[in-house]
C-alpha atoms as a PDB file:
ATOM      1  CA  MET A   1      79.553  96.495  94.754  1.00  0.00           C
ATOM      2  CA  SER A   2      80.135  99.713  96.678  1.00  0.00           C
ATOM      3  CA  ASP A   3      83.486 101.506  97.104  1.00  0.00           C
ATOM      4  CA  ALA A   4      84.003  99.826 100.491  1.00  0.00           C
ATOM      5  CA  GLN A   5      86.796  97.265 100.785  1.00  0.00           C
ATOM      6  CA  PRO A   6      85.448  94.686 103.251  1.00  0.00           C
ATOM      7  CA  SER A   7      87.823  92.056 104.593  1.00  0.00           C
ATOM      8  CA  ILE A   8      85.185  89.691 106.009  1.00  0.00           C
ATOM      9  CA  ALA A   9      81.899  88.490 104.509  1.00  0.00           C
ATOM     10  CA  SER A  10      78.971  86.703 106.144  1.00  0.00           C
ATOM     11  CA  ILE A  11      77.510  84.107 103.767  1.00  0.00           C
ATOM     12  CA  ILE A  12      73.859  83.181 104.322  1.00  0.00           C
ATOM     13  CA  PRO A  13      72.200  80.502 102.147  1.00  0.00           C
ATOM     14  CA  VAL A  14      68.418  80.706 102.583  1.00  0.00           C
ATOM     15  CA  LEU A  15      65.274  78.904 101.499  1.00  0.00           C
ATOM     16  CA  ASN A  16      61.904  79.988 102.891  1.00  0.00           C
ATOM     17  CA  GLU A  17      63.316  81.789 105.927  1.00  0.00           C
ATOM     18  CA  SER A  18      60.883  84.730 106.004  1.00  0.00           C
ATOM     19  CA  GLU A  19      60.104  84.172 109.686  1.00  0.00           C
ATOM     20  CA  TYR A  20      63.722  84.488 110.792  1.00  0.00           C
ATOM     21  CA  ILE A  21      65.899  86.201 108.177  1.00  0.00           C
ATOM     22  CA  GLY A  22      65.022  89.741 109.296  1.00  0.00           C
ATOM     23  CA  ALA A  23      66.320  89.152 112.822  1.00  0.00           C
ATOM     24  CA  CYS A  24      69.388  87.403 111.429  1.00  0.00           C
ATOM     25  CA  LEU A  25      70.304  90.355 109.225  1.00  0.00           C
ATOM     26  CA  ASP A  26      69.512  92.907 111.932  1.00  0.00           C
ATOM     27  CA  SER A  27      72.006  91.176 114.218  1.00  0.00           C
ATOM     28  CA  LEU A  28      74.655  91.579 111.512  1.00  0.00           C
ATOM     29  CA  ILE A  29      73.709  95.196 110.837  1.00  0.00           C
ATOM     30  CA  GLU A  30      74.251  95.978 114.528  1.00  0.00           C
ATOM     31  CA  GLN A  31      77.822  94.641 114.673  1.00  0.00           C
ATOM     32  CA  THR A  32      80.466  96.705 116.459  1.00  0.00           C
ATOM     33  CA  LEU A  33      82.916  95.843 113.686  1.00  0.00           C
ATOM     34  CA  SER A  34      83.224  98.752 111.263  1.00  0.00           C
ATOM     35  CA  PRO A  35      80.699  98.327 108.409  1.00  0.00           C
ATOM     36  CA  GLU A  36      83.474  99.136 105.932  1.00  0.00           C
ATOM     37  CA  GLN A  37      85.194  95.915 107.018  1.00  0.00           C
ATOM     38  CA  HIS A  38      82.136  93.689 106.667  1.00  0.00           C
ATOM     39  CA  MET A  39      79.621  92.690 104.010  1.00  0.00           C
ATOM     40  CA  VAL A  40      76.761  90.194 103.827  1.00  0.00           C
ATOM     41  CA  LEU A  41      75.776  87.941 100.933  1.00  0.00           C
ATOM     42  CA  VAL A  42      72.341  86.310 101.050  1.00  0.00           C
ATOM     43  CA  LEU A  43      71.908  83.506  98.517  1.00  0.00           C
ATOM     44  CA  ASP A  44      68.282  82.505  97.986  1.00  0.00           C
ATOM     45  CA  GLY A  45      67.705  78.984  96.704  1.00  0.00           C
ATOM     46  CA  GLY A  46      64.248  79.782  95.326  1.00  0.00           C
ATOM     47  CA  SER A  47      62.102  80.742  98.301  1.00  0.00           C
ATOM     48  CA  THR A  48      58.353  80.638  97.756  1.00  0.00           C
ATOM     49  CA  ASP A  49      57.541  82.766 100.798  1.00  0.00           C
ATOM     50  CA  SER A  50      58.459  86.412 101.470  1.00  0.00           C
ATOM     51  CA  THR A  51      62.135  85.774 102.230  1.00  0.00           C
ATOM     52  CA  GLY A  52      63.272  87.983  99.351  1.00  0.00           C
ATOM     53  CA  ASP A  53      61.071  90.858 100.518  1.00  0.00           C
ATOM     54  CA  GLU A  54      62.424  90.563 104.060  1.00  0.00           C
ATOM     55  CA  VAL A  55      65.986  90.689 102.761  1.00  0.00           C
ATOM     56  CA  GLN A  56      65.217  93.783 100.669  1.00  0.00           C
ATOM     57  CA  LYS A  57      63.790  95.483 103.751  1.00  0.00           C
ATOM     58  CA  ALA A  58      66.954  94.641 105.678  1.00  0.00           C
ATOM     59  CA  ILE A  59      69.070  96.053 102.855  1.00  0.00           C
ATOM     60  CA  GLU A  60      67.245  99.368 103.206  1.00  0.00           C
ATOM     61  CA  ARG A  61      67.539  99.288 107.005  1.00  0.00           C
ATOM     62  CA  SER A  62      71.272  98.768 106.746  1.00  0.00           C
ATOM     63  CA  LYS A  63      71.625 101.690 104.350  1.00  0.00           C
ATOM     64  CA  LYS A  64      69.685 103.999 106.672  1.00  0.00           C
ATOM     65  CA  ARG A  65      71.713 102.936 109.719  1.00  0.00           C
ATOM     66  CA  GLY A  66      75.053 103.138 107.952  1.00  0.00           C
ATOM     67  CA  GLY A  67      75.463  99.391 108.281  1.00  0.00           C
ATOM     68  CA  PRO A  68      77.347  96.876 106.133  1.00  0.00           C
ATOM     69  CA  LEU A  69      76.652  96.244 102.479  1.00  0.00           C
ATOM     70  CA  ILE A  70      74.020  93.511 102.077  1.00  0.00           C
ATOM     71  CA  GLU A  71      73.453  91.840  98.732  1.00  0.00           C
ATOM     72  CA  LEU A  72      70.773  89.360  97.668  1.00  0.00           C
ATOM     73  CA  HIS A  73      71.646  86.837  94.973  1.00  0.00           C
ATOM     74  CA  PHE A  74      69.787  83.914  93.443  1.00  0.00           C
ATOM     75  CA  ASN A  75      71.224  80.444  94.028  1.00  0.00           C
ATOM     76  CA  PRO A  76      69.910  78.458  91.039  1.00  0.00           C
ATOM     77  CA  LYS A  77      71.133  75.125  92.407  1.00  0.00           C
ATOM     78  CA  LYS A  78      69.277  75.623  95.704  1.00  0.00           C
ATOM     79  CA  HIS A  79      71.561  73.852  98.185  1.00  0.00           C
ATOM     80  CA  VAL A  80      74.036  75.135 100.775  1.00  0.00           C
ATOM     81  CA  ALA A  81      77.267  73.893  99.185  1.00  0.00           C
ATOM     82  CA  GLU A  82      76.376  75.484  95.852  1.00  0.00           C
ATOM     83  CA  ALA A  83      75.446  78.729  97.601  1.00  0.00           C
ATOM     84  CA  ARG A  84      78.779  78.999  99.383  1.00  0.00           C
ATOM     85  CA  ASN A  85      80.749  78.172  96.261  1.00  0.00           C
ATOM     86  CA  LEU A  86      78.750  80.776  94.358  1.00  0.00           C
ATOM     87  CA  ALA A  87      79.545  83.322  97.065  1.00  0.00           C
ATOM     88  CA  LEU A  88      83.272  82.804  96.514  1.00  0.00           C
ATOM     89  CA  THR A  89      82.843  83.938  92.910  1.00  0.00           C
ATOM     90  CA  LEU A  90      80.816  87.017  93.905  1.00  0.00           C
ATOM     91  CA  LEU A  91      83.033  88.404  96.658  1.00  0.00           C
ATOM     92  CA  PRO A  92      85.365  91.338  95.981  1.00  0.00           C
ATOM     93  CA  ASP A  93      89.098  90.641  96.051  1.00  0.00           C
ATOM     94  CA  SER A  94      89.425  92.515  99.353  1.00  0.00           C
ATOM     95  CA  VAL A  95      87.540  89.798 101.271  1.00  0.00           C
ATOM     96  CA  ARG A  96      89.991  87.517 103.074  1.00  0.00           C
ATOM     97  CA  TYR A  97      87.582  85.685 105.391  1.00  0.00           C
ATOM     98  CA  THR A  98      84.104  84.216 105.114  1.00  0.00           C
ATOM     99  CA  VAL A  99      81.711  83.519 107.982  1.00  0.00           C
ATOM    100  CA  GLU A 100      79.105  80.762 107.787  1.00  0.00           C
ATOM    101  CA  MET A 101      75.615  81.821 108.835  1.00  0.00           C
ATOM    102  CA  ILE A 102      72.110  80.473 108.281  1.00  0.00           C
ATOM    103  CA  GLY A 103      68.845  82.348 108.015  1.00  0.00           C
ATOM    104  CA  HIS A 104      67.456  81.066 111.324  1.00  0.00           C
ATOM    105  CA  SER A 105      70.334  82.279 113.487  1.00  0.00           C
ATOM    106  CA  THR A 106      71.379  85.487 115.245  1.00  0.00           C
ATOM    107  CA  VAL A 107      74.575  86.794 116.833  1.00  0.00           C
ATOM    108  CA  GLU A 108      75.556  89.291 119.524  1.00  0.00           C
ATOM    109  CA  PRO A 109      76.741  92.800 118.491  1.00  0.00           C
ATOM    110  CA  ASP A 110      80.417  92.063 119.198  1.00  0.00           C
ATOM    111  CA  HIS A 111      80.340  88.718 117.395  1.00  0.00           C
ATOM    112  CA  LEU A 112      82.458  89.566 114.361  1.00  0.00           C
ATOM    113  CA  GLU A 113      84.911  91.607 116.391  1.00  0.00           C
ATOM    114  CA  LEU A 114      85.442  88.625 118.693  1.00  0.00           C
ATOM    115  CA  ARG A 115      85.814  86.328 115.702  1.00  0.00           C
ATOM    116  CA  MET A 116      88.567  88.509 114.253  1.00  0.00           C
ATOM    117  CA  ASN A 117      90.353  88.705 117.610  1.00  0.00           C
ATOM    118  CA  GLU A 118      90.159  84.949 118.116  1.00  0.00           C
ATOM    119  CA  TRP A 119      91.425  84.310 114.606  1.00  0.00           C
ATOM    120  CA  SER A 120      94.496  86.473 115.252  1.00  0.00           C
ATOM    121  CA  ARG A 121      95.112  84.813 118.615  1.00  0.00           C
ATOM    122  CA  ILE A 122      94.840  81.259 117.300  1.00  0.00           C
ATOM    123  CA  GLU A 123      96.772  82.008 114.120  1.00  0.00           C
ATOM    124  CA  SER A 124      99.719  83.280 116.173  1.00  0.00           C
ATOM    125  CA  SER A 125      99.840  80.050 118.197  1.00  0.00           C
ATOM    126  CA  THR A 126      99.687  77.415 115.453  1.00  0.00           C
ATOM    127  CA  SER A 127     102.501  76.364 113.149  1.00  0.00           C
ATOM    128  CA  SER A 128     100.144  75.288 110.344  1.00  0.00           C
ATOM    129  CA  PRO A 129      98.254  77.830 108.238  1.00  0.00           C
ATOM    130  CA  LEU A 130      94.863  78.473 109.839  1.00  0.00           C
ATOM    131  CA  ALA A 131      91.896  77.563 107.634  1.00  0.00           C
ATOM    132  CA  ALA A 132      88.862  77.667 109.923  1.00  0.00           C
ATOM    133  CA  VAL A 133      87.687  78.615 113.406  1.00  0.00           C
ATOM    134  CA  GLY A 134      84.322  77.328 114.633  1.00  0.00           C
ATOM    135  CA  ILE A 135      82.241  78.595 117.554  1.00  0.00           C
ATOM    136  CA  ARG A 136      79.565  77.532 120.057  1.00  0.00           C
ATOM    137  CA  VAL A 137      75.929  76.953 119.072  1.00  0.00           C
ATOM    138  CA  HIS A 138      73.422  78.382 121.563  1.00  0.00           C
ATOM    139  CA  PRO A 139      69.625  78.046 121.858  1.00  0.00           C
ATOM    140  CA  ARG A 140      67.589  80.775 120.247  1.00  0.00           C
ATOM    141  CA  GLN A 141      66.487  83.684 122.380  1.00  0.00           C
ATOM    142  CA  GLY A 142      62.900  83.934 123.597  1.00  0.00           C
ATOM    143  CA  LYS A 143      60.324  81.526 125.011  1.00  0.00           C
ATOM    144  CA  HIS A 144      60.515  77.906 123.889  1.00  0.00           C
ATOM    145  CA  GLY A 145      57.743  75.354 123.470  1.00  0.00           C
ATOM    146  CA  ILE A 146      57.787  72.133 125.472  1.00  0.00           C
ATOM    147  CA  VAL A 147      59.166  69.950 122.654  1.00  0.00           C
ATOM    148  CA  GLU A 148      61.748  72.570 121.741  1.00  0.00           C
ATOM    149  CA  ASN A 149      62.886  72.530 125.374  1.00  0.00           C
ATOM    150  CA  TRP A 150      63.261  68.754 125.224  1.00  0.00           C
ATOM    151  CA  ILE A 151      65.330  69.033 122.050  1.00  0.00           C
ATOM    152  CA  GLU A 152      67.550  71.716 123.558  1.00  0.00           C
ATOM    153  CA  GLY A 153      68.060  69.484 126.600  1.00  0.00           C
ATOM    154  CA  THR A 154      68.911  66.565 124.347  1.00  0.00           C
ATOM    155  CA  LEU A 155      71.488  68.551 122.400  1.00  0.00           C
ATOM    156  CA  ALA A 156      72.991  69.803 125.658  1.00  0.00           C
ATOM    157  CA  SER A 157      73.515  66.194 126.736  1.00  0.00           C
ATOM    158  CA  PRO A 158      76.750  64.348 125.892  1.00  0.00           C
ATOM    159  CA  LEU A 159      74.469  61.512 124.758  1.00  0.00           C
ATOM    160  CA  GLY A 160      72.868  63.817 122.194  1.00  0.00           C
ATOM    161  CA  SER A 161      75.604  66.154 121.005  1.00  0.00           C
ATOM    162  CA  GLY A 162      78.606  63.840 120.771  1.00  0.00           C
ATOM    163  CA  ASN A 163      81.616  65.674 119.368  1.00  0.00           C
ATOM    164  CA  GLY A 164      79.577  67.468 116.722  1.00  0.00           C
ATOM    165  CA  GLN A 165      78.489  71.038 116.146  1.00  0.00           C
ATOM    166  CA  PHE A 166      76.195  71.141 119.190  1.00  0.00           C
ATOM    167  CA  GLU A 167      78.857  70.099 121.701  1.00  0.00           C
ATOM    168  CA  SER A 168      79.037  72.430 124.716  1.00  0.00           C
ATOM    169  CA  PHE A 169      82.822  72.789 124.707  1.00  0.00           C
ATOM    170  CA  THR A 170      84.557  75.292 126.992  1.00  0.00           C
ATOM    171  CA  THR A 171      88.149  75.413 125.754  1.00  0.00           C
ATOM    172  CA  SER A 172      89.715  76.486 122.489  1.00  0.00           C
ATOM    173  CA  GLY A 173      91.590  73.916 120.435  1.00  0.00           C
ATOM    174  CA  PRO A 174      91.805  71.845 117.244  1.00  0.00           C
ATOM    175  CA  THR A 175      88.608  70.206 116.007  1.00  0.00           C
ATOM    176  CA  LYS A 176      87.247  68.164 113.132  1.00  0.00           C
ATOM    177  CA  THR A 177      83.790  69.743 113.257  1.00  0.00           C
ATOM    178  CA  PRO A 178      83.911  73.561 113.474  1.00  0.00           C
ATOM    179  CA  ALA A 179      80.361  74.899 113.712  1.00  0.00           C
ATOM    180  CA  PHE A 180      79.500  78.134 111.888  1.00  0.00           C
ATOM    181  CA  ALA A 181      83.131  78.430 110.874  1.00  0.00           C
ATOM    182  CA  MET A 182      85.040  81.501 109.854  1.00  0.00           C
ATOM    183  CA  HIS A 183      87.224  80.423 106.931  1.00  0.00           C
ATOM    184  CA  SER A 184      90.294  81.710 105.209  1.00  0.00           C
ATOM    185  CA  ARG A 185      89.280  82.452 101.644  1.00  0.00           C
ATOM    186  CA  THR A 186      92.712  81.361 100.441  1.00  0.00           C
ATOM    187  CA  ALA A 187      92.299  77.970 102.117  1.00  0.00           C
ATOM    188  CA  LEU A 188      88.803  77.510 100.684  1.00  0.00           C
ATOM    189  CA  GLU A 189      89.986  78.231  97.169  1.00  0.00           C
ATOM    190  CA  ASP A 190      93.037  76.016  97.651  1.00  0.00           C
ATOM    191  CA  VAL A 191      90.887  72.915  98.307  1.00  0.00           C
ATOM    192  CA  GLY A 192      88.216  73.788  95.742  1.00  0.00           C
ATOM    193  CA  GLY A 193      85.494  74.961  98.108  1.00  0.00           C
ATOM    194  CA  TRP A 194      82.578  72.786  99.173  1.00  0.00           C
ATOM    195  CA  ASP A 195      81.815  69.418  97.583  1.00  0.00           C
ATOM    196  CA  THR A 196      78.346  69.755  96.051  1.00  0.00           C
ATOM    197  CA  ALA A 197      77.797  65.996  96.254  1.00  0.00           C
ATOM    198  CA  TYR A 198      76.809  66.568  99.893  1.00  0.00           C
ATOM    199  CA  ILE A 199      73.409  68.112 100.584  1.00  0.00           C
ATOM    200  CA  THR A 200      74.155  67.830 104.313  1.00  0.00           C
ATOM    201  CA  SER A 201      77.511  67.323 106.095  1.00  0.00           C
ATOM    202  CA  GLN A 202      79.328  69.322 103.434  1.00  0.00           C
ATOM    203  CA  ASP A 203      81.168  71.128 106.231  1.00  0.00           C
ATOM    204  CA  SER A 204      82.549  67.874 107.672  1.00  0.00           C
ATOM    205  CA  ASP A 205      83.897  66.916 104.274  1.00  0.00           C
ATOM    206  CA  LEU A 206      85.424  70.369 103.817  1.00  0.00           C
ATOM    207  CA  SER A 207      87.138  70.224 107.208  1.00  0.00           C
ATOM    208  CA  MET A 208      88.662  66.834 106.420  1.00  0.00           C
ATOM    209  CA  ARG A 209      90.025  68.085 103.112  1.00  0.00           C
ATOM    210  CA  LEU A 210      91.457  71.182 104.782  1.00  0.00           C
ATOM    211  CA  VAL A 211      93.204  69.081 107.443  1.00  0.00           C
ATOM    212  CA  ASP A 212      94.479  66.628 104.826  1.00  0.00           C
ATOM    213  CA  SER A 213      95.921  69.601 102.910  1.00  0.00           C
ATOM    214  CA  GLY A 214      97.962  70.678 105.924  1.00  0.00           C
ATOM    215  CA  TYR A 215      95.699  73.387 107.316  1.00  0.00           C
ATOM    216  CA  ALA A 216      94.738  73.903 110.950  1.00  0.00           C
ATOM    217  CA  VAL A 217      91.049  73.770 111.946  1.00  0.00           C
ATOM    218  CA  TYR A 218      90.104  75.140 115.372  1.00  0.00           C
ATOM    219  CA  ARG A 219      87.141  76.110 117.508  1.00  0.00           C
ATOM    220  CA  THR A 220      86.669  78.722 120.234  1.00  0.00           C
ATOM    221  CA  PRO A 221      84.032  79.231 122.958  1.00  0.00           C
ATOM    222  CA  ALA A 222      84.666  83.001 122.968  1.00  0.00           C
ATOM    223  CA  THR A 223      81.540  83.668 120.915  1.00  0.00           C
ATOM    224  CA  GLY A 224      78.589  81.772 119.492  1.00  0.00           C
ATOM    225  CA  VAL A 225      75.499  81.722 117.332  1.00  0.00           C
ATOM    226  CA  SER A 226      71.920  81.489 118.621  1.00  0.00           C
ATOM    227  CA  MET A 227      70.137  79.040 116.353  1.00  0.00           C
ATOM    228  CA  VAL A 228      66.494  78.091 115.922  1.00  0.00           C
ATOM    229  CA  LYS A 229      66.329  74.304 116.101  1.00  0.00           C
ATOM    230  CA  ARG A 230      63.526  71.812 115.491  1.00  0.00           C
ATOM    231  CA  SER A 231      60.344  72.379 117.460  1.00  0.00           C
ATOM    232  CA  GLY A 232      58.408  69.237 116.510  1.00  0.00           C
ATOM    233  CA  LEU A 233      59.058  65.535 117.025  1.00  0.00           C
ATOM    234  CA  SER A 234      58.530  64.605 113.370  1.00  0.00           C
ATOM    235  CA  LYS A 235      61.148  67.148 112.281  1.00  0.00           C
ATOM    236  CA  TRP A 236      63.439  65.923 115.032  1.00  0.00           C
ATOM    237  CA  TRP A 237      63.170  62.377 113.664  1.00  0.00           C
ATOM    238  CA  LYS A 238      63.827  63.540 110.106  1.00  0.00           C
ATOM    239  CA  MET A 239      66.847  65.545 111.231  1.00  0.00           C
ATOM    240  CA  GLY A 240      68.344  62.542 113.037  1.00  0.00           C
ATOM    241  CA  HIS A 241      67.849  60.322 110.001  1.00  0.00           C
ATOM    242  CA  ARG A 242      69.315  62.936 107.666  1.00  0.00           C
ATOM    243  CA  TYR A 243      72.374  63.429 109.861  1.00  0.00           C
ATOM    244  CA  GLY A 244      72.936  59.667 110.032  1.00  0.00           C
ATOM    245  CA  PHE A 245      72.460  59.231 106.289  1.00  0.00           C
ATOM    246  CA  TRP A 246      74.965  61.910 105.324  1.00  0.00           C
ATOM    247  CA  ARG A 247      77.326  60.842 108.087  1.00  0.00           C
ATOM    248  CA  MET A 248      77.612  57.493 106.329  1.00  0.00           C
ATOM    249  CA  LYS A 249      78.378  59.283 103.063  1.00  0.00           C
ATOM    250  CA  ILE A 250      81.178  61.166 104.837  1.00  0.00           C
ATOM    251  CA  LEU A 251      82.565  57.946 106.329  1.00  0.00           C
ATOM    252  CA  GLN A 252      82.578  56.272 102.929  1.00  0.00           C
ATOM    253  CA  LYS A 253      84.812  59.075 101.632  1.00  0.00           C
ATOM    254  CA  HIS A 254      86.801  59.676 104.838  1.00  0.00           C
ATOM    255  CA  PRO A 255      87.035  56.309 106.695  1.00  0.00           C
ATOM    256  CA  LYS A 256      89.364  57.726 109.345  1.00  0.00           C
ATOM    257  CA  ARG A 257      86.461  59.823 110.629  1.00  0.00           C
ATOM    258  CA  ILE A 258      84.772  56.650 111.950  1.00  0.00           C
ATOM    259  CA  SER A 259      83.856  56.890 115.628  1.00  0.00           C
ATOM    260  CA  LEU A 260      82.822  53.793 117.571  1.00  0.00           C
ATOM    261  CA  ARG A 261      80.263  55.731 119.633  1.00  0.00           C
ATOM    262  CA  GLU A 262      78.207  56.445 116.512  1.00  0.00           C
ATOM    263  CA  PHE A 263      77.696  52.711 116.028  1.00  0.00           C
ATOM    264  CA  LEU A 264      76.986  51.818 119.662  1.00  0.00           C
ATOM    265  CA  PRO A 265      73.185  51.591 119.124  1.00  0.00           C
ATOM    266  CA  TRP A 266      73.721  49.058 116.330  1.00  0.00           C
ATOM    267  CA  ILE A 267      76.299  47.160 118.384  1.00  0.00           C
ATOM    268  CA  GLY A 268      73.947  47.048 121.367  1.00  0.00           C
ATOM    269  CA  PHE A 269      71.039  45.936 119.188  1.00  0.00           C
ATOM    270  CA  LEU A 270      73.005  43.143 117.501  1.00  0.00           C
ATOM    271  CA  VAL A 271      74.474  41.882 120.781  1.00  0.00           C
ATOM    272  CA  THR A 272      71.018  41.872 122.390  1.00  0.00           C
ATOM    273  CA  LEU A 273      69.552  40.113 119.354  1.00  0.00           C
ATOM    274  CA  GLY A 274      72.288  37.489 119.555  1.00  0.00           C
ATOM    275  CA  LEU A 275      71.605  36.921 123.264  1.00  0.00           C
ATOM    276  CA  TYR A 276      67.878  36.632 122.554  1.00  0.00           C
ATOM    277  CA  MET A 277      68.429  34.053 119.816  1.00  0.00           C
ATOM    278  CA  ALA A 278      70.740  32.147 122.155  1.00  0.00           C
ATOM    279  CA  GLN A 279      68.001  32.287 124.824  1.00  0.00           C
ATOM    280  CA  SER A 280      70.492  33.741 127.272  1.00  0.00           C
ATOM    281  CA  ASP A 281      69.416  35.095 130.652  1.00  0.00           C
ATOM    282  CA  LEU A 282      71.667  38.109 129.929  1.00  0.00           C
ATOM    283  CA  VAL A 283      69.407  39.387 127.153  1.00  0.00           C
ATOM    284  CA  VAL A 284      67.982  42.179 129.314  1.00  0.00           C
ATOM    285  CA  ILE A 285      71.344  43.535 130.509  1.00  0.00           C
ATOM    286  CA  LEU A 286      72.058  46.030 127.730  1.00  0.00           C
ATOM    287  CA  PRO A 287      68.466  47.344 127.373  1.00  0.00           C
ATOM    288  CA  VAL A 288      68.238  47.863 131.146  1.00  0.00           C
ATOM    289  CA  CYS A 289      71.611  49.640 131.227  1.00  0.00           C
ATOM    290  CA  TYR A 290      70.610  51.849 128.289  1.00  0.00           C
ATOM    291  CA  LEU A 291      67.256  52.835 129.786  1.00  0.00           C
ATOM    292  CA  SER A 292      68.871  53.456 133.168  1.00  0.00           C
ATOM    293  CA  VAL A 293      71.423  55.824 131.643  1.00  0.00           C
ATOM    294  CA  LEU A 294      68.643  57.642 129.777  1.00  0.00           C
ATOM    295  CA  MET A 295      66.631  58.108 132.957  1.00  0.00           C
ATOM    296  CA  ILE A 296      69.698  59.423 134.784  1.00  0.00           C
ATOM    297  CA  GLU A 297      70.200  61.894 131.944  1.00  0.00           C
ATOM    298  CA  GLY A 298      66.529  62.896 132.164  1.00  0.00           C
ATOM    299  CA  ILE A 299      66.888  63.575 135.893  1.00  0.00           C
ATOM    300  CA  ARG A 300      70.087  65.549 135.309  1.00  0.00           C
ATOM    301  CA  SER A 301      68.458  67.610 132.566  1.00  0.00           C
ATOM    302  CA  SER A 302      65.336  68.348 134.611  1.00  0.00           C
ATOM    303  CA  PHE A 303      67.463  69.699 137.469  1.00  0.00           C
ATOM    304  CA  ARG A 304      69.866  71.555 135.189  1.00  0.00           C
ATOM    305  CA  PHE A 305      67.165  73.392 133.241  1.00  0.00           C
ATOM    306  CA  LYS A 306      64.528  73.359 136.007  1.00  0.00           C
ATOM    307  CA  ARG A 307      61.941  71.703 133.754  1.00  0.00           C
ATOM    308  CA  PHE A 308      60.059  68.705 135.155  1.00  0.00           C
ATOM    309  CA  SER A 309      58.904  67.568 131.706  1.00  0.00           C
ATOM    310  CA  SER A 310      62.549  67.004 130.711  1.00  0.00           C
ATOM    311  CA  LEU A 311      62.566  64.034 133.086  1.00  0.00           C
ATOM    312  CA  PHE A 312      60.713  62.076 130.403  1.00  0.00           C
ATOM    313  CA  GLY A 313      61.046  64.328 127.344  1.00  0.00           C
ATOM    314  CA  VAL A 314      64.831  64.268 127.097  1.00  0.00           C
ATOM    315  CA  PRO A 315      65.104  60.436 127.321  1.00  0.00           C
ATOM    316  CA  PHE A 316      62.349  60.143 124.707  1.00  0.00           C
ATOM    317  CA  CYS A 317      64.140  62.547 122.344  1.00  0.00           C
ATOM    318  CA  LEU A 318      67.422  60.716 122.922  1.00  0.00           C
ATOM    319  CA  ILE A 319      65.799  57.422 121.928  1.00  0.00           C
ATOM    320  CA  MET A 320      64.383  59.092 118.812  1.00  0.00           C
ATOM    321  CA  LEU A 321      67.774  60.567 117.931  1.00  0.00           C
ATOM    322  CA  HIS A 322      69.731  57.354 118.449  1.00  0.00           C
ATOM    323  CA  THR A 323      67.180  55.338 116.471  1.00  0.00           C
ATOM    324  CA  SER A 324      66.747  57.742 113.555  1.00  0.00           C
ATOM    325  CA  PHE A 325      70.496  58.411 113.289  1.00  0.00           C
ATOM    326  CA  SER A 326      71.266  54.678 113.310  1.00  0.00           C
ATOM    327  CA  LEU A 327      68.651  53.953 110.646  1.00  0.00           C
ATOM    328  CA  GLY A 328      70.075  56.849 108.640  1.00  0.00           C
ATOM    329  CA  LEU A 329      73.539  55.294 108.817  1.00  0.00           C
ATOM    330  CA  LEU A 330      72.151  52.052 107.405  1.00  0.00           C
ATOM    331  CA  ASP A 331      70.134  53.879 104.754  1.00  0.00           C
ATOM    332  CA  GLY A 332      73.272  55.741 103.691  1.00  0.00           C
ATOM    333  CA  VAL A 333      74.938  52.469 102.733  1.00  0.00           C
ATOM    334  CA  PHE A 334      72.336  51.631 100.100  1.00  0.00           C
ATOM    335  CA  ARG A 335      70.738  54.832  98.828  1.00  0.00           C
ATOM    336  CA  LYS A 336      71.836  58.013  97.110  1.00  0.00           C
ATOM    337  CA  GLY A 337      70.989  61.312  98.785  1.00  0.00           C
ATOM    338  CA  ARG A 338      68.192  63.717  98.063  1.00  0.00           C
ATOM    339  CA  ALA A 339      67.155  67.097  99.383  1.00  0.00           C
ATOM    340  CA  PRO A 340      65.807  67.107 102.963  1.00  0.00           C
ATOM    341  CA  SER A 341      62.133  67.822 103.513  1.00  0.00           C
ATOM    342  CA  ASP A 342      62.336  68.997 107.108  1.00  0.00           C
ATOM    343  CA  ARG A 343      63.798  72.444 106.420  1.00  0.00           C
END
């Protein structure tokens, strides 16, 4: 560690992120927040590409530019929860806040400054100790492929984002799912950090434990993270299944997190199946309503983003998401988790 006494640390678990990690770190090097106040920990879960080399290059760039301290550490247990818990043991005592980042994301130059300002504002308005403040998730910068555009349109839809991390919220307030959260280190240590039983959805579990321990969890639209999302349909399917699978694991531990809307595809399927078996003339009602809503959403998306292909692409991706997520929920009832293969 250097002689600097940073108060905030960006924590970045990585695995084979050589294509993106350089831009991610450059965006943190260029922060308007004083570099003495900020440090970056990169925790590599065993990358087999040139991720480590890219991080070392960024370390040298930061030194030359007078940027924040960047450190690269090995995460022997590979996964995100283990990486973040490891980071808590590596941080100097001066660090009071941690910021969640991932290797395929970037932020604007005033990002950390805005985070600190928002933390102070929210903290002064809540009676409970503040544990976390999440932010908006934006599309990555640059030109997108056709499937990536469909996926972005899907996540921008209320039928695709729900109340999760991709929701396009516009007002600050309490939340159960703070995306890319800034955390109080004291709060994290008080609840024992992240539960390593979760390969995905570890943040949802953490937020529930923080709330149950009397802490406040908020989100703000004042700043955001630009994130590279899936660009292929097979990865999109795998992501939906993985989110559904680990969502079920969360619900098994935290039943009060159950939301009826997450089970609507199963409810619709079972009702339609029952009507079919009863040979009812009403059997087509729910499928027709569902497809009609999807087409309306496709039309809305095509006008909103000025992309004709979204007319069909967004409904198709919504069907894939609803199906894969629902199958993941069912799979989560019967099977233990394993590491994802899609990223």
